């Protein structure tokens, strides 16, 4: 049991390649059941984390792909600003 644990709220930390927190409950059997349930749920936990890593990897690839695309917005903005100045001049509008 952890050194800094409060007596009113006992827990254990199961550690290996990671650390997993589990409440212990009020009885010995409750403690064993909670730890057992935590250990049984680790495969689902790992599966969920692997799926999340897959989604994040795909998202990263999508974002990197968008960043690699030719971004012609600055050139388009300059072209439209010039066009607007020309139209303003033809209409006699002075924006100084």
Protein backbone atom coordinates (compact mmCIF):
# COMPACT_ATOMS: atom_id res chain seq x y z
CA UNK A 1 0.00 0.00 0.00
CA UNK A 2 1.25 3.52 -0.77
CA UNK A 3 2.91 5.51 2.06
CA UNK A 4 0.78 8.63 1.57
CA UNK A 5 -2.57 6.77 1.59
CA UNK A 6 -5.33 8.01 3.90
CA UNK A 7 -6.70 5.36 6.24
CA UNK A 8 -10.26 6.44 5.35
CA UNK A 9 -9.72 5.80 1.65
CA UNK A 10 -7.41 2.86 1.08
CA UNK A 11 -6.09 2.07 -2.40
CA UNK A 12 -3.36 0.17 -4.18
CA UNK A 13 -1.23 1.00 -7.14
CA UNK A 14 -0.55 -1.90 -9.46
CA UNK A 15 2.69 -1.30 -11.33
CA UNK A 16 4.56 -3.00 -14.09
CA UNK A 17 5.20 -1.27 -17.39
CA UNK A 18 2.57 1.25 -16.20
CA UNK A 19 0.85 2.24 -12.97
CA UNK A 20 -2.82 1.54 -12.30
CA UNK A 21 -4.81 2.86 -9.36
CA UNK A 22 -7.52 0.80 -7.62
CA UNK A 23 -9.67 1.45 -4.56
CA UNK A 24 -9.49 -1.42 -2.11
CA UNK A 25 -12.88 -1.30 -0.39
CA UNK A 26 -13.70 -2.15 3.21
CA UNK A 27 -13.18 -5.92 3.28
CA UNK A 28 -10.47 -8.34 2.26
CA UNK A 29 -12.76 -9.99 -0.31
CA UNK A 30 -13.77 -6.55 -1.65
CA UNK A 31 -10.12 -5.64 -2.00
CA UNK A 32 -9.32 -8.84 -3.87
CA UNK A 33 -12.35 -8.39 -6.16
CA UNK A 34 -11.47 -4.79 -6.99
CA UNK A 35 -7.86 -5.65 -7.78
CA UNK A 36 -9.00 -8.66 -9.81
CA UNK A 37 -11.47 -6.48 -11.76
CA UNK A 38 -8.77 -3.89 -12.41
CA UNK A 39 -6.40 -6.55 -13.71
CA UNK A 40 -9.13 -8.12 -15.88
CA UNK A 41 -9.92 -4.70 -17.36
CA UNK A 42 -6.34 -3.98 -18.39
CA UNK A 43 -6.68 -5.70 -21.78
CA UNK A 44 -9.67 -3.46 -22.65
CA UNK A 45 -7.74 -0.45 -21.34
CA UNK A 46 -4.78 -1.33 -23.55
CA UNK A 47 -7.05 -1.90 -26.55
CA UNK A 48 -8.73 1.49 -26.03
CA UNK A 49 -5.35 3.22 -25.78
CA UNK A 50 -4.10 1.50 -28.94
CA UNK A 51 -7.24 2.61 -30.80
CA UNK A 52 -6.72 6.14 -29.52
CA UNK A 53 -3.10 6.08 -30.71
CA UNK A 54 -4.31 4.89 -34.13
CA UNK A 55 -6.87 7.72 -34.36
CA UNK A 56 -4.28 10.29 -33.29
CA UNK A 57 -1.73 8.92 -35.78
CA UNK A 58 -4.29 9.22 -38.60
CA UNK A 59 -5.18 12.74 -37.48
CA UNK A 60 -1.50 13.70 -37.42
CA UNK A 61 -1.06 12.35 -40.97
CA UNK A 62 -4.14 14.29 -42.14
CA UNK A 63 -2.88 17.52 -40.58
CA UNK A 64 0.61 17.05 -42.02
CA UNK A 65 -0.98 16.43 -45.43
CA UNK A 66 -2.96 19.65 -45.18
CA UNK A 67 0.20 21.54 -44.25
CA UNK A 68 1.99 20.14 -47.31
CA UNK A 69 -0.68 21.37 -49.70
CA UNK A 70 0.07 24.38 -51.83
CA UNK A 71 -1.29 27.32 -49.88
CA UNK A 72 -2.04 30.01 -52.44
CA UNK A 73 -4.15 32.17 -50.13
CA UNK A 74 -1.58 34.98 -49.75
CA UNK A 75 -1.24 35.27 -53.53
CA UNK A 76 -5.04 35.20 -53.93
CA UNK A 77 -5.46 37.91 -51.28
CA UNK A 78 -2.95 40.17 -53.05
CA UNK A 79 -4.69 39.59 -56.40
CA UNK A 80 -8.09 40.48 -54.94
CA UNK A 81 -6.71 43.57 -53.15
CA UNK A 82 -5.33 44.83 -56.46
CA UNK A 83 -8.65 44.11 -58.14
CA UNK A 84 -10.49 45.99 -55.38
CA UNK A 85 -8.18 49.02 -55.75
CA UNK A 86 -8.84 49.03 -59.50
CA UNK A 87 -12.62 48.88 -58.94
CA UNK A 88 -12.41 51.61 -56.28
CA UNK A 89 -10.45 53.80 -58.71
CA UNK A 90 -13.03 53.22 -61.48
CA UNK A 91 -15.85 54.14 -59.09
CA UNK A 92 -14.01 57.15 -57.74
CA UNK A 93 -13.78 55.79 -54.22
CA UNK A 94 -10.69 56.91 -52.31
CA UNK A 95 -9.78 54.80 -49.25
CA UNK A 96 -6.84 56.89 -47.99
